[in-house]
Amino acid sequence: MKRLSALFGIAMLSLLAAAASQVRADYLNWTYTSSPNVPGISVNSTAPAGGATVTLTDFSTPQAGATTIPVVAYLTSTSNTTPVNFSNATFNLAMTLTDSTTNDSGTLNFTGSLSGSLTATTSSLIASFAPVTSNSLTLDGHTYTVTIPSVTLAPPTSPQQDIMASVSVSNASSGGGGTNPGSPGQMTGTPEPASLMLGSLGFSCLGVRYWWKRRRLTRTAAAA
């Protein structure tokens, strides 16, 4: 009996650990594209010494989803030896996420802003991003939350760089084609793997309990 209980306990812990791992795992079967609404931002371009420019490059070809992704590439340029100032120069960045299984998609919009200064060899220019309405959307039962941290841009002596975002994916009770949180979505009828595993565990527990009870009854009847 003790040996059976120990083996059963180990099996339960293994299944629960596997289920917890499934719940924590990010859903990576998705792609994305991103596009700024302008190809670049220039300041003081008419000044005698010239101005400074931040060139923005989109990711128009679908990219594989991951927990950390590049959302826009940039290149800074100026020939000025004195600082060229950017004062809250803004642009829009649209990110479209697509579920690779269902092809459901949705778009998140961010406002980017540039503040700080550039010289030919230095940069104190900071790019920051804020969601226009929300930084989350739900596709086919998965909620995607995108965060783009502020970053100090590289100086003009640097090659092209990427601005990175972090993406977390969690299970949602409902989803649909490109719906934002709070919008009506379609209920998904496919249970998550963790739910299936926990359900199977429950049935296994009932089966073992029934078997053990029947075995005890058999032994009692034989002893009598």
C-alpha atoms as a PDB file:
ATOM      1  CA  MET A   1       0.000   0.000   0.000  1.00  0.00           C
ATOM      2  CA  LYS A   2       2.784   2.428   0.953  1.00  0.00           C
ATOM      3  CA  ARG A   3       4.682   1.621  -2.227  1.00  0.00           C
ATOM      4  CA  LEU A   4       1.561   2.152  -4.321  1.00  0.00           C
ATOM      5  CA  SER A   5       0.863   5.484  -2.592  1.00  0.00           C
ATOM      6  CA  ALA A   6       4.437   6.640  -3.182  1.00  0.00           C
ATOM      7  CA  LEU A   7       4.336   5.723  -6.876  1.00  0.00           C
ATOM      8  CA  PHE A   8       0.954   7.389  -7.267  1.00  0.00           C
ATOM      9  CA  GLY A   9       2.226  10.521  -5.527  1.00  0.00           C
ATOM     10  CA  ILE A  10       5.229  10.714  -7.841  1.00  0.00           C
ATOM     11  CA  ALA A  11       2.992  10.323 -10.884  1.00  0.00           C
ATOM     12  CA  MET A  12       0.702  13.103  -9.672  1.00  0.00           C
ATOM     13  CA  LEU A  13       3.604  15.484  -9.052  1.00  0.00           C
ATOM     14  CA  SER A  14       5.032  14.766 -12.506  1.00  0.00           C
ATOM     15  CA  LEU A  15       1.723  15.449 -14.215  1.00  0.00           C
ATOM     16  CA  LEU A  16       1.131  18.642 -12.225  1.00  0.00           C
ATOM     17  CA  ALA A  17       4.634  19.899 -13.034  1.00  0.00           C
ATOM     18  CA  ALA A  18       4.066  19.198 -16.728  1.00  0.00           C
ATOM     19  CA  ALA A  19       0.715  20.985 -16.599  1.00  0.00           C
ATOM     20  CA  ALA A  20       2.249  24.012 -14.873  1.00  0.00           C
ATOM     21  CA  SER A  21       4.963  24.108 -17.512  1.00  0.00           C
ATOM     22  CA  GLN A  22       2.323  24.101 -20.259  1.00  0.00           C
ATOM     23  CA  VAL A  23       0.468  26.992 -18.585  1.00  0.00           C
ATOM     24  CA  ARG A  24       3.640  29.088 -18.278  1.00  0.00           C
ATOM     25  CA  ALA A  25       4.927  28.435 -21.785  1.00  0.00           C
ATOM     26  CA  ASP A  26       4.492  31.231 -24.284  1.00  0.00           C
ATOM     27  CA  TYR A  27       2.508  30.382 -27.405  1.00  0.00           C
ATOM     28  CA  LEU A  28       5.013  30.905 -30.221  1.00  0.00           C
ATOM     29  CA  ASN A  29       2.977  29.817 -33.246  1.00  0.00           C
ATOM     30  CA  TRP A  30       2.475  33.363 -34.512  1.00  0.00           C
ATOM     31  CA  THR A  31       4.088  35.967 -36.744  1.00  0.00           C
ATOM     32  CA  TYR A  32       4.126  39.749 -36.873  1.00  0.00           C
ATOM     33  CA  THR A  33       4.887  42.735 -39.065  1.00  0.00           C
ATOM     34  CA  SER A  34       5.566  46.311 -37.973  1.00  0.00           C
ATOM     35  CA  SER A  35       5.497  49.598 -39.809  1.00  0.00           C
ATOM     36  CA  PRO A  36       6.230  53.216 -38.787  1.00  0.00           C
ATOM     37  CA  ASN A  37       4.083  55.809 -40.519  1.00  0.00           C
ATOM     38  CA  VAL A  38       7.151  57.797 -41.650  1.00  0.00           C
ATOM     39  CA  PRO A  39      10.482  56.635 -43.132  1.00  0.00           C
ATOM     40  CA  GLY A  40      12.430  59.000 -40.930  1.00  0.00           C
ATOM     41  CA  ILE A  41      12.424  62.076 -38.698  1.00  0.00           C
ATOM     42  CA  SER A  42      14.702  65.061 -39.364  1.00  0.00           C
ATOM     43  CA  VAL A  43      15.282  68.233 -37.329  1.00  0.00           C
ATOM     44  CA  ASN A  44      17.054  71.506 -38.190  1.00  0.00           C
ATOM     45  CA  SER A  45      17.490  70.345 -41.761  1.00  0.00           C
ATOM     46  CA  THR A  46      17.595  73.956 -43.005  1.00  0.00           C
ATOM     47  CA  ALA A  47      20.261  75.085 -40.522  1.00  0.00           C
ATOM     48  CA  PRO A  48      23.604  76.170 -42.082  1.00  0.00           C
ATOM     49  CA  ALA A  49      25.481  73.276 -40.488  1.00  0.00           C
ATOM     50  CA  GLY A  50      22.776  70.768 -41.419  1.00  0.00           C
ATOM     51  CA  GLY A  51      20.496  68.890 -39.091  1.00  0.00           C
ATOM     52  CA  ALA A  52      20.108  65.336 -37.841  1.00  0.00           C
ATOM     53  CA  THR A  53      17.986  62.427 -39.003  1.00  0.00           C
ATOM     54  CA  VAL A  54      16.702  59.193 -37.529  1.00  0.00           C
ATOM     55  CA  THR A  55      15.854  56.791 -40.361  1.00  0.00           C
ATOM     56  CA  LEU A  56      13.208  54.181 -39.519  1.00  0.00           C
ATOM     57  CA  THR A  57      12.947  50.800 -41.262  1.00  0.00           C
ATOM     58  CA  ASP A  58       9.906  48.553 -40.954  1.00  0.00           C
ATOM     59  CA  PHE A  59       9.569  44.766 -40.788  1.00  0.00           C
ATOM     60  CA  SER A  60       7.074  44.353 -43.614  1.00  0.00           C
ATOM     61  CA  THR A  61       7.904  40.661 -44.167  1.00  0.00           C
ATOM     62  CA  PRO A  62       6.257  38.412 -41.543  1.00  0.00           C
ATOM     63  CA  GLN A  63       8.670  37.638 -38.714  1.00  0.00           C
ATOM     64  CA  ALA A  64       8.500  34.621 -36.378  1.00  0.00           C
ATOM     65  CA  GLY A  65       7.007  35.309 -32.965  1.00  0.00           C
ATOM     66  CA  ALA A  66       9.192  35.149 -29.851  1.00  0.00           C
ATOM     67  CA  THR A  67       9.323  36.529 -26.323  1.00  0.00           C
ATOM     68  CA  THR A  68      11.699  39.273 -27.524  1.00  0.00           C
ATOM     69  CA  ILE A  69      11.330  40.710 -31.020  1.00  0.00           C
ATOM     70  CA  PRO A  70      12.685  43.650 -33.053  1.00  0.00           C
ATOM     71  CA  VAL A  71       9.869  46.048 -33.926  1.00  0.00           C
ATOM     72  CA  VAL A  72      11.668  48.741 -35.897  1.00  0.00           C
ATOM     73  CA  ALA A  73      15.219  49.256 -37.181  1.00  0.00           C
ATOM     74  CA  TYR A  74      16.868  52.663 -37.090  1.00  0.00           C
ATOM     75  CA  LEU A  75      19.938  54.563 -38.188  1.00  0.00           C
ATOM     76  CA  THR A  76      21.021  57.947 -36.782  1.00  0.00           C
ATOM     77  CA  SER A  77      22.942  60.471 -38.866  1.00  0.00           C
ATOM     78  CA  THR A  78      24.394  63.968 -38.525  1.00  0.00           C
ATOM     79  CA  SER A  79      27.667  65.706 -39.315  1.00  0.00           C
ATOM     80  CA  ASN A  80      27.251  68.313 -36.591  1.00  0.00           C
ATOM     81  CA  THR A  81      29.858  68.536 -33.870  1.00  0.00           C
ATOM     82  CA  THR A  82      27.462  70.555 -31.711  1.00  0.00           C
ATOM     83  CA  PRO A  83      24.281  68.862 -30.359  1.00  0.00           C
ATOM     84  CA  VAL A  84      21.214  68.769 -32.579  1.00  0.00           C
ATOM     85  CA  ASN A  85      18.131  68.607 -30.371  1.00  0.00           C
ATOM     86  CA  PHE A  86      14.989  66.540 -30.866  1.00  0.00           C
ATOM     87  CA  SER A  87      12.092  67.802 -28.769  1.00  0.00           C
ATOM     88  CA  ASN A  88       9.369  65.158 -28.523  1.00  0.00           C
ATOM     89  CA  ALA A  89       9.391  64.388 -32.246  1.00  0.00           C
ATOM     90  CA  THR A  90       6.620  61.817 -32.688  1.00  0.00           C
ATOM     91  CA  PHE A  91       5.687  59.056 -35.106  1.00  0.00           C
ATOM     92  CA  ASN A  92       3.246  56.135 -35.171  1.00  0.00           C
ATOM     93  CA  LEU A  93       4.167  52.459 -35.141  1.00  0.00           C
ATOM     94  CA  ALA A  94       1.657  49.777 -36.145  1.00  0.00           C
ATOM     95  CA  MET A  95       2.233  46.122 -35.230  1.00  0.00           C
ATOM     96  CA  THR A  96       0.105  43.395 -36.801  1.00  0.00           C
ATOM     97  CA  LEU A  97       0.135  39.976 -35.102  1.00  0.00           C
ATOM     98  CA  THR A  98      -1.134  36.846 -36.867  1.00  0.00           C
ATOM     99  CA  ASP A  99      -2.004  33.450 -35.404  1.00  0.00           C
ATOM    100  CA  SER A 100      -0.267  30.954 -37.711  1.00  0.00           C
ATOM    101  CA  THR A 101      -2.858  28.224 -37.092  1.00  0.00           C
ATOM    102  CA  THR A 102      -6.044  30.167 -37.775  1.00  0.00           C
ATOM    103  CA  ASN A 103      -4.624  33.194 -39.642  1.00  0.00           C
ATOM    104  CA  ASP A 104      -6.562  35.449 -37.270  1.00  0.00           C
ATOM    105  CA  SER A 105      -4.799  38.812 -36.965  1.00  0.00           C
ATOM    106  CA  GLY A 106      -4.995  42.068 -35.074  1.00  0.00           C
ATOM    107  CA  THR A 107      -3.087  45.347 -34.964  1.00  0.00           C
ATOM    108  CA  LEU A 108      -1.608  47.246 -32.024  1.00  0.00           C
ATOM    109  CA  ASN A 109      -0.730  50.926 -32.461  1.00  0.00           C
ATOM    110  CA  PHE A 110       1.975  52.763 -30.551  1.00  0.00           C
ATOM    111  CA  THR A 111       3.046  56.404 -30.480  1.00  0.00           C
ATOM    112  CA  GLY A 112       6.827  56.773 -30.605  1.00  0.00           C
ATOM    113  CA  SER A 113       8.640  59.897 -29.518  1.00  0.00           C
ATOM    114  CA  LEU A 114      12.248  61.073 -29.805  1.00  0.00           C
ATOM    115  CA  SER A 115      13.761  63.445 -27.245  1.00  0.00           C
ATOM    116  CA  GLY A 116      17.396  64.337 -26.681  1.00  0.00           C
ATOM    117  CA  SER A 117      20.286  65.240 -28.932  1.00  0.00           C
ATOM    118  CA  LEU A 118      22.753  63.906 -31.468  1.00  0.00           C
ATOM    119  CA  THR A 119      26.224  64.920 -32.529  1.00  0.00           C
ATOM    120  CA  ALA A 120      28.401  63.279 -35.155  1.00  0.00           C
ATOM    121  CA  THR A 121      29.871  60.955 -32.506  1.00  0.00           C
ATOM    122  CA  THR A 122      27.492  60.962 -29.522  1.00  0.00           C
ATOM    123  CA  SER A 123      23.836  60.363 -28.701  1.00  0.00           C
ATOM    124  CA  SER A 124      21.579  61.177 -25.783  1.00  0.00           C
ATOM    125  CA  LEU A 125      18.511  60.646 -27.955  1.00  0.00           C
ATOM    126  CA  ILE A 126      15.835  58.533 -26.253  1.00  0.00           C
ATOM    127  CA  ALA A 127      13.053  56.732 -28.109  1.00  0.00           C
ATOM    128  CA  SER A 128       9.980  55.939 -26.022  1.00  0.00           C
ATOM    129  CA  PHE A 129       6.705  54.242 -26.920  1.00  0.00           C
ATOM    130  CA  ALA A 130       3.175  54.368 -25.555  1.00  0.00           C
ATOM    131  CA  PRO A 131       0.148  52.358 -26.749  1.00  0.00           C
ATOM    132  CA  VAL A 132      -2.520  54.423 -28.473  1.00  0.00           C
ATOM    133  CA  THR A 133      -5.352  52.474 -26.813  1.00  0.00           C
ATOM    134  CA  SER A 134      -4.056  49.130 -25.526  1.00  0.00           C
ATOM    135  CA  ASN A 135      -0.889  47.071 -25.734  1.00  0.00           C
ATOM    136  CA  SER A 136      -2.822  43.767 -25.666  1.00  0.00           C
ATOM    137  CA  LEU A 137      -5.041  41.877 -28.076  1.00  0.00           C
ATOM    138  CA  THR A 138      -6.631  38.429 -28.137  1.00  0.00           C
ATOM    139  CA  LEU A 139      -6.364  35.978 -31.028  1.00  0.00           C
ATOM    140  CA  ASP A 140      -7.913  32.515 -31.000  1.00  0.00           C
ATOM    141  CA  GLY A 141      -7.836  32.092 -27.232  1.00  0.00           C
ATOM    142  CA  HIS A 142      -4.415  33.683 -26.621  1.00  0.00           C
ATOM    143  CA  THR A 143      -3.835  37.181 -25.263  1.00  0.00           C
ATOM    144  CA  TYR A 144      -0.714  38.928 -26.555  1.00  0.00           C
ATOM    145  CA  THR A 145       0.771  41.771 -24.508  1.00  0.00           C
ATOM    146  CA  VAL A 146       3.484  43.850 -26.172  1.00  0.00           C
ATOM    147  CA  THR A 147       5.815  46.152 -24.236  1.00  0.00           C
ATOM    148  CA  ILE A 148       8.367  48.410 -25.946  1.00  0.00           C
ATOM    149  CA  PRO A 149      10.831  49.817 -23.385  1.00  0.00           C
ATOM    150  CA  SER A 150      12.470  53.210 -23.826  1.00  0.00           C
ATOM    151  CA  VAL A 151      15.951  53.048 -25.318  1.00  0.00           C
ATOM    152  CA  THR A 152      18.847  55.446 -25.923  1.00  0.00           C
ATOM    153  CA  LEU A 153      19.604  55.397 -29.631  1.00  0.00           C
ATOM    154  CA  ALA A 154      23.100  54.617 -30.869  1.00  0.00           C
ATOM    155  CA  PRO A 155      25.304  57.480 -32.182  1.00  0.00           C
ATOM    156  CA  PRO A 156      25.723  58.141 -35.925  1.00  0.00           C
ATOM    157  CA  THR A 157      28.985  56.170 -35.995  1.00  0.00           C
ATOM    158  CA  SER A 158      27.016  52.944 -35.391  1.00  0.00           C
ATOM    159  CA  PRO A 159      25.535  50.545 -37.948  1.00  0.00           C
ATOM    160  CA  GLN A 160      21.791  50.008 -38.185  1.00  0.00           C
ATOM    161  CA  GLN A 161      20.253  48.948 -34.872  1.00  0.00           C
ATOM    162  CA  ASP A 162      16.951  47.331 -33.781  1.00  0.00           C
ATOM    163  CA  ILE A 163      14.484  48.560 -31.184  1.00  0.00           C
ATOM    164  CA  MET A 164      13.275  45.529 -29.259  1.00  0.00           C
ATOM    165  CA  ALA A 165       9.936  44.676 -27.659  1.00  0.00           C
ATOM    166  CA  SER A 166       8.959  41.991 -25.175  1.00  0.00           C
ATOM    167  CA  VAL A 167       5.866  39.872 -25.823  1.00  0.00           C
ATOM    168  CA  SER A 168       4.025  37.756 -23.285  1.00  0.00           C
ATOM    169  CA  VAL A 169       1.274  35.334 -24.313  1.00  0.00           C
ATOM    170  CA  SER A 170      -1.324  34.000 -21.911  1.00  0.00           C
ATOM    171  CA  ASN A 171      -4.364  31.779 -22.278  1.00  0.00           C
ATOM    172  CA  ALA A 172      -7.676  33.562 -22.624  1.00  0.00           C
ATOM    173  CA  SER A 173     -11.152  32.171 -22.110  1.00  0.00           C
ATOM    174  CA  SER A 174     -12.309  33.683 -25.392  1.00  0.00           C
ATOM    175  CA  GLY A 175     -10.742  34.983 -28.539  1.00  0.00           C
ATOM    176  CA  GLY A 176     -11.463  35.850 -32.127  1.00  0.00           C
ATOM    177  CA  GLY A 177     -10.142  37.383 -35.275  1.00  0.00           C
ATOM    178  CA  GLY A 178      -8.288  40.486 -34.283  1.00  0.00           C
ATOM    179  CA  THR A 179     -10.394  41.515 -31.313  1.00  0.00           C
ATOM    180  CA  ASN A 180      -8.963  43.809 -28.664  1.00  0.00           C
ATOM    181  CA  PRO A 181      -9.645  43.145 -24.963  1.00  0.00           C
ATOM    182  CA  GLY A 182     -13.153  44.297 -24.109  1.00  0.00           C
ATOM    183  CA  SER A 183     -14.420  43.782 -27.661  1.00  0.00           C
ATOM    184  CA  PRO A 184     -16.852  40.932 -28.405  1.00  0.00           C
ATOM    185  CA  GLY A 185     -14.949  37.807 -29.393  1.00  0.00           C
ATOM    186  CA  GLN A 186     -15.764  34.306 -30.480  1.00  0.00           C
ATOM    187  CA  MET A 187     -15.674  31.574 -27.878  1.00  0.00           C
ATOM    188  CA  THR A 188     -13.106  28.925 -28.665  1.00  0.00           C
ATOM    189  CA  GLY A 189     -14.140  25.326 -28.172  1.00  0.00           C
ATOM    190  CA  THR A 190     -10.664  23.813 -28.127  1.00  0.00           C
ATOM    191  CA  PRO A 191      -9.400  23.072 -24.601  1.00  0.00           C
ATOM    192  CA  GLU A 192      -5.833  23.972 -23.700  1.00  0.00           C
ATOM    193  CA  PRO A 193      -3.288  21.114 -23.293  1.00  0.00           C
ATOM    194  CA  ALA A 194      -2.956  21.840 -19.580  1.00  0.00           C
ATOM    195  CA  SER A 195      -6.716  21.465 -19.104  1.00  0.00           C
ATOM    196  CA  LEU A 196      -6.691  18.147 -20.913  1.00  0.00           C
ATOM    197  CA  MET A 197      -3.814  16.942 -18.774  1.00  0.00           C
ATOM    198  CA  LEU A 198      -5.480  17.944 -15.512  1.00  0.00           C
ATOM    199  CA  GLY A 199      -8.730  16.331 -16.625  1.00  0.00           C
ATOM    200  CA  SER A 200      -6.912  13.101 -17.414  1.00  0.00           C
ATOM    201  CA  LEU A 201      -5.263  13.233 -14.004  1.00  0.00           C
ATOM    202  CA  GLY A 202      -8.656  13.496 -12.323  1.00  0.00           C
ATOM    203  CA  PHE A 203      -9.987  10.455 -14.160  1.00  0.00           C
ATOM    204  CA  SER A 204      -6.823   8.530 -13.283  1.00  0.00           C
ATOM    205  CA  CYS A 205      -7.316   9.305  -9.591  1.00  0.00           C
ATOM    206  CA  LEU A 206     -10.897   8.020  -9.718  1.00  0.00           C
ATOM    207  CA  GLY A 207      -9.780   4.858 -11.490  1.00  0.00           C
ATOM    208  CA  VAL A 208      -7.060   4.060  -8.957  1.00  0.00           C
ATOM    209  CA  ARG A 209      -9.418   4.706  -6.058  1.00  0.00           C
ATOM    210  CA  TYR A 210     -12.039   2.385  -7.539  1.00  0.00           C
ATOM    211  CA  TRP A 211      -9.432  -0.349  -8.183  1.00  0.00           C
ATOM    212  CA  TRP A 212      -8.037  -0.154  -4.649  1.00  0.00           C
ATOM    213  CA  LYS A 213     -11.485  -0.251  -3.042  1.00  0.00           C
ATOM    214  CA  ARG A 214     -12.484  -3.259  -5.112  1.00  0.00           C
ATOM    215  CA  ARG A 215      -9.234  -5.021  -4.227  1.00  0.00           C
ATOM    216  CA  ARG A 216      -9.862  -4.512  -0.502  1.00  0.00           C
ATOM    217  CA  LEU A 217     -13.382  -5.875  -0.825  1.00  0.00           C
ATOM    218  CA  THR A 218     -12.054  -8.938  -2.641  1.00  0.00           C
ATOM    219  CA  ARG A 219      -9.478  -9.604   0.072  1.00  0.00           C
ATOM    220  CA  THR A 220     -12.076  -9.168   2.818  1.00  0.00           C
ATOM    221  CA  ALA A 221     -14.416 -11.621   1.124  1.00  0.00           C
ATOM    222  CA  ALA A 222     -11.606 -14.180   0.669  1.00  0.00           C
ATOM    223  CA  ALA A 223     -10.576 -13.911   4.361  1.00  0.00           C
ATOM    224  CA  ALA A 224     -14.133 -14.519   5.475  1.00  0.00           C
END
